[in-house]
């Protein structure tokens, strides 16, 4: 199983990084976690075969995690000539947010019927749902309102468990989401500074003995955090990083 950090940046391009988009592939699995506004460019730069992606999991509807959906959809329709089914799954409100995003980016586009089977699947907190080869458990986290709900995910796929915090301030839901995961990808927006709605590394560190992930990778770092990453004793994501789990 390979996890490719196609983009690992925040909403403001800190460090010149692409918005959040993780590409996960295995023997049969091929899916994205989040699809931020810059993701189509990043995916094409990395020569990802877009039509092989079967699922896109969305943590929340902010542009740096969801804004790449409209260009992805129009590319699938008119350029990649997609015929394979695609599932886009995310928190409650996904269907309305999808239409709103499409109409904001490309007016009239939400009324164009795709030439492939598109399923928009709204997930429920703590319910584990089977999506293709994935078993996805959703955990409500704190990144708002407005704009929510906001999810962290625990994904079981091909005998591995991958967890991702999404964007959130500390909440105990992250313990259950990440506990003993083979890979735990966690926001670390600041190192010690606590701000509403985002996770700082100090808060995460205080709970690592409870989470006990087998591998931890930090992501979604601010400019301030990026300046300190050489002093951080944990693995930090970079655009293009590929790891095996």
Protein backbone atom coordinates (compact mmCIF):
# COMPACT_ATOMS: atom_id res chain seq x y z
CA UNK A 1 0.00 0.00 0.00
CA UNK A 2 1.46 3.37 -1.02
CA UNK A 3 0.43 6.79 0.25
CA UNK A 4 1.46 9.64 -2.04
CA UNK A 5 1.24 13.14 -0.58
CA UNK A 6 0.25 14.87 -3.83
CA UNK A 7 -0.37 18.01 -1.79
CA UNK A 8 0.12 18.62 1.92
CA UNK A 9 -0.18 22.39 2.25
CA UNK A 10 -2.58 24.65 4.09
CA UNK A 11 -5.15 27.03 2.63
CA UNK A 12 -2.59 29.79 2.05
CA UNK A 13 0.12 28.02 0.07
CA UNK A 14 2.57 28.03 2.98
CA UNK A 15 5.95 26.82 1.80
CA UNK A 16 4.73 26.91 -1.80
CA UNK A 17 2.85 23.66 -1.22
CA UNK A 18 -0.21 22.35 -3.01
CA UNK A 19 -3.48 22.04 -1.11
CA UNK A 20 -4.32 18.80 0.67
CA UNK A 21 -4.64 15.73 -1.53
CA UNK A 22 -3.41 12.25 -0.62
CA UNK A 23 -3.40 9.47 -3.22
CA UNK A 24 -3.57 5.95 -1.79
CA UNK A 25 -2.99 2.88 -3.95
CA UNK A 26 -2.72 -0.85 -3.30
CA UNK A 27 -3.40 -4.12 -5.07
CA UNK A 28 -6.94 -3.00 -5.90
CA UNK A 29 -7.50 0.22 -3.93
CA UNK A 30 -7.04 3.56 -5.66
CA UNK A 31 -8.49 6.57 -3.89
CA UNK A 32 -7.96 10.18 -2.84
CA UNK A 33 -8.32 11.74 0.58
CA UNK A 34 -9.36 15.34 -0.02
CA UNK A 35 -9.07 17.24 -3.27
CA UNK A 36 -8.07 20.83 -2.60
CA UNK A 37 -8.24 23.66 -5.09
CA UNK A 38 -4.80 22.98 -6.59
CA UNK A 39 -5.17 19.20 -6.70
CA UNK A 40 -5.83 18.67 -10.40
CA UNK A 41 -2.60 20.50 -11.26
CA UNK A 42 -0.68 18.51 -8.65
CA UNK A 43 -2.16 15.19 -9.77
CA UNK A 44 -1.27 15.87 -13.40
CA UNK A 45 2.22 17.02 -12.49
CA UNK A 46 2.68 13.68 -10.70
CA UNK A 47 1.32 11.80 -13.76
CA UNK A 48 -1.48 10.19 -11.75
CA UNK A 49 -3.92 8.31 -13.96
CA UNK A 50 -7.11 10.10 -12.96
CA UNK A 51 -9.52 7.53 -14.36
CA UNK A 52 -8.05 4.83 -12.11
CA UNK A 53 -9.20 6.70 -8.99
CA UNK A 54 -12.42 5.09 -7.78
CA UNK A 55 -13.16 6.99 -4.56
CA UNK A 56 -12.58 10.53 -3.25
CA UNK A 57 -13.02 10.98 0.50
CA UNK A 58 -13.68 14.56 1.58
CA UNK A 59 -13.05 15.65 5.17
CA UNK A 60 -14.85 18.99 4.86
CA UNK A 61 -15.96 21.59 2.35
CA UNK A 62 -13.29 24.31 2.64
CA UNK A 63 -11.62 25.16 -0.65
CA UNK A 64 -8.21 23.78 0.30
CA UNK A 65 -9.79 20.33 0.80
CA UNK A 66 -12.77 20.37 -1.59
CA UNK A 67 -12.13 23.10 -4.15
CA UNK A 68 -10.46 20.73 -6.63
CA UNK A 69 -13.65 18.75 -7.14
CA UNK A 70 -15.14 20.98 -9.90
CA UNK A 71 -12.06 20.90 -12.18
CA UNK A 72 -11.61 17.17 -11.47
CA UNK A 73 -15.21 16.55 -12.57
CA UNK A 74 -15.01 18.63 -15.72
CA UNK A 75 -11.70 17.05 -16.67
CA UNK A 76 -13.29 13.62 -16.18
CA UNK A 77 -16.19 14.62 -18.43
CA UNK A 78 -14.40 16.37 -21.26
CA UNK A 79 -10.69 15.50 -21.29
CA UNK A 80 -9.96 12.28 -19.40
CA UNK A 81 -13.16 10.84 -20.97
CA UNK A 82 -13.93 8.87 -17.85
CA UNK A 83 -16.29 5.89 -18.09
CA UNK A 84 -15.51 4.12 -14.80
CA UNK A 85 -17.78 4.76 -11.79
CA UNK A 86 -16.65 7.31 -9.19
CA UNK A 87 -17.76 7.73 -5.59
CA UNK A 88 -17.28 11.03 -3.79
CA UNK A 89 -17.95 10.57 -0.07
CA UNK A 90 -17.97 13.12 2.72
CA UNK A 91 -19.91 14.64 5.60
CA UNK A 92 -23.63 15.37 5.58
CA UNK A 93 -24.29 18.25 3.20
CA UNK A 94 -22.00 16.85 0.51
CA UNK A 95 -24.72 16.80 -2.14
CA UNK A 96 -25.64 20.44 -1.64
CA UNK A 97 -21.99 21.50 -1.30
CA UNK A 98 -21.14 19.67 -4.52
CA UNK A 99 -23.76 21.61 -6.48
CA UNK A 100 -22.71 24.88 -4.86
CA UNK A 101 -19.03 24.28 -5.65
CA UNK A 102 -19.72 23.32 -9.25
CA UNK A 103 -21.94 26.34 -9.82
CA UNK A 104 -19.47 28.73 -8.18
CA UNK A 105 -16.54 27.44 -10.23
CA UNK A 106 -18.31 26.80 -13.52
CA UNK A 107 -21.90 28.14 -13.68
CA UNK A 108 -24.28 25.62 -15.18
CA UNK A 109 -21.91 22.70 -14.74
CA UNK A 110 -23.94 20.98 -12.02
CA UNK A 111 -26.71 20.40 -14.56
CA UNK A 112 -24.44 18.49 -16.94
CA UNK A 113 -25.04 14.77 -16.54
CA UNK A 114 -21.74 12.89 -16.25
CA UNK A 115 -20.92 10.25 -18.84
CA UNK A 116 -19.94 7.95 -15.94
CA UNK A 117 -21.77 6.75 -12.86
CA UNK A 118 -21.19 9.32 -10.09
CA UNK A 119 -22.28 8.57 -6.54
CA UNK A 120 -22.32 11.30 -3.91
CA UNK A 121 -22.30 9.48 -0.58
CA UNK A 122 -23.00 11.34 2.67
CA UNK A 123 -21.36 9.68 5.67
CA UNK A 124 -22.52 9.53 9.28
CA UNK A 125 -20.38 10.09 12.37
CA UNK A 126 -18.85 6.89 13.82
CA UNK A 127 -20.66 4.67 11.32
CA UNK A 128 -18.31 2.40 9.38
CA UNK A 129 -19.26 2.28 5.71
CA UNK A 130 -17.91 -0.04 3.03
CA UNK A 131 -16.91 1.88 -0.10
CA UNK A 132 -15.35 -0.40 -2.71
CA UNK A 133 -12.46 -2.06 -0.87
CA UNK A 134 -12.43 0.54 1.93
CA UNK A 135 -14.02 0.35 5.37
CA UNK A 136 -14.37 4.02 6.35
CA UNK A 137 -15.18 5.21 9.87
CA UNK A 138 -15.97 8.92 10.29
CA UNK A 139 -15.28 10.96 13.44
CA UNK A 140 -16.69 14.41 14.09
CA UNK A 141 -13.92 16.95 14.78
CA UNK A 142 -13.77 20.68 15.58
CA UNK A 143 -12.96 23.00 12.69
CA UNK A 144 -16.06 25.16 12.85
CA UNK A 145 -18.94 26.01 12.41
CA UNK A 146 -19.59 27.43 9.91
CA UNK A 147 -18.96 25.14 6.97
CA UNK A 148 -19.26 21.81 8.79
CA UNK A 149 -19.60 19.07 9.63
CA UNK A 150 -15.89 18.26 9.74
CA UNK A 151 -14.54 14.70 9.77
CA UNK A 152 -11.46 12.75 10.67
CA UNK A 153 -11.24 9.33 9.02
CA UNK A 154 -10.08 5.87 9.99
CA UNK A 155 -9.75 3.76 6.86
CA UNK A 156 -9.17 0.02 6.79
CA UNK A 157 -7.98 -1.17 3.41
CA UNK A 158 -6.10 -4.28 2.29
CA UNK A 159 -5.20 -5.21 5.85
CA UNK A 160 -3.85 -1.77 6.76
CA UNK A 161 -5.30 1.07 8.80
CA UNK A 162 -4.75 4.68 7.80
CA UNK A 163 -6.11 7.55 9.87
CA UNK A 164 -6.25 11.27 9.13
CA UNK A 165 -7.25 14.08 11.47
CA UNK A 166 -8.48 16.47 8.82
CA UNK A 167 -8.41 20.06 10.07
CA UNK A 168 -9.33 20.33 13.75
CA UNK A 169 -8.39 21.64 17.15
CA UNK A 170 -7.69 18.90 19.68
CA UNK A 171 -10.65 16.62 20.38
CA UNK A 172 -10.64 13.21 22.04
CA UNK A 173 -12.27 11.79 18.91
CA UNK A 174 -8.76 11.73 17.44
CA UNK A 175 -7.72 9.07 19.94
CA UNK A 176 -10.27 6.60 18.66
CA UNK A 177 -9.70 7.58 15.05
CA UNK A 178 -5.93 7.12 15.18
CA UNK A 179 -5.41 4.42 17.79
CA UNK A 180 -2.64 2.01 16.70
CA UNK A 181 -3.11 2.93 13.04
CA UNK A 182 -0.43 1.75 10.65
CA UNK A 183 -0.26 5.38 9.47
CA UNK A 184 -1.64 8.40 11.30
CA UNK A 185 -1.55 11.61 9.26
CA UNK A 186 -2.09 14.55 11.59
CA UNK A 187 -2.43 18.26 11.16
CA UNK A 188 0.30 20.24 12.94
CA UNK A 189 -0.53 23.81 12.08
CA UNK A 190 1.64 25.27 14.84
CA UNK A 191 4.17 23.69 17.16
CA UNK A 192 3.12 25.15 20.52
CA UNK A 193 0.78 28.01 19.73
CA UNK A 194 -2.84 27.11 20.36
CA UNK A 195 -5.41 28.63 18.03
CA UNK A 196 -9.09 27.83 17.61
CA UNK A 197 -10.03 25.18 15.05
CA UNK A 198 -6.51 23.95 14.21
CA UNK A 199 -4.24 21.34 15.78
CA UNK A 200 -0.90 22.25 17.33
CA UNK A 201 1.86 19.68 17.73
CA UNK A 202 2.09 20.14 21.51
CA UNK A 203 -1.54 19.10 21.96
CA UNK A 204 -1.04 16.10 19.70
CA UNK A 205 2.13 15.04 21.50
CA UNK A 206 0.36 15.05 24.85
CA UNK A 207 -1.99 12.34 23.57
CA UNK A 208 0.39 10.19 21.49
CA UNK A 209 0.79 7.67 24.36
CA UNK A 210 -2.95 7.06 24.08
CA UNK A 211 -3.03 6.94 20.29
CA UNK A 212 0.11 4.82 19.80
CA UNK A 213 0.27 5.08 16.00
CA UNK A 214 2.77 2.81 14.28
CA UNK A 215 3.81 5.69 12.04
CA UNK A 216 3.05 9.39 12.35
CA UNK A 217 3.31 11.95 9.56
CA UNK A 218 2.62 15.65 10.17
CA UNK A 219 0.86 17.73 7.53
CA UNK A 220 -0.99 21.03 6.89
CA UNK A 221 1.79 23.10 8.47
CA UNK A 222 1.84 26.90 8.65
CA UNK A 223 4.86 28.98 7.66
CA UNK A 224 5.75 29.19 11.35
CA UNK A 225 5.68 25.41 11.71
CA UNK A 226 7.61 24.87 8.49
CA UNK A 227 10.43 27.06 9.80
CA UNK A 228 10.77 24.70 12.78
CA UNK A 229 10.32 21.37 11.04
CA UNK A 230 14.03 20.47 11.21
CA UNK A 231 13.75 20.55 15.00
CA UNK A 232 10.60 18.41 15.09
CA UNK A 233 11.26 14.76 16.04
CA UNK A 234 8.54 13.41 13.75
CA UNK A 235 8.19 12.71 10.06
CA UNK A 236 6.86 15.71 8.14
CA UNK A 237 5.02 15.53 4.84
CA UNK A 238 6.36 17.17 1.70
CA UNK A 239 4.60 17.49 -1.63
CA UNK A 240 5.51 14.35 -3.59
CA UNK A 241 6.40 12.24 -0.54
CA UNK A 242 5.61 8.56 -1.09
CA UNK A 243 5.55 6.07 1.77
CA UNK A 244 4.63 2.40 2.04
CA UNK A 245 2.49 1.02 4.82
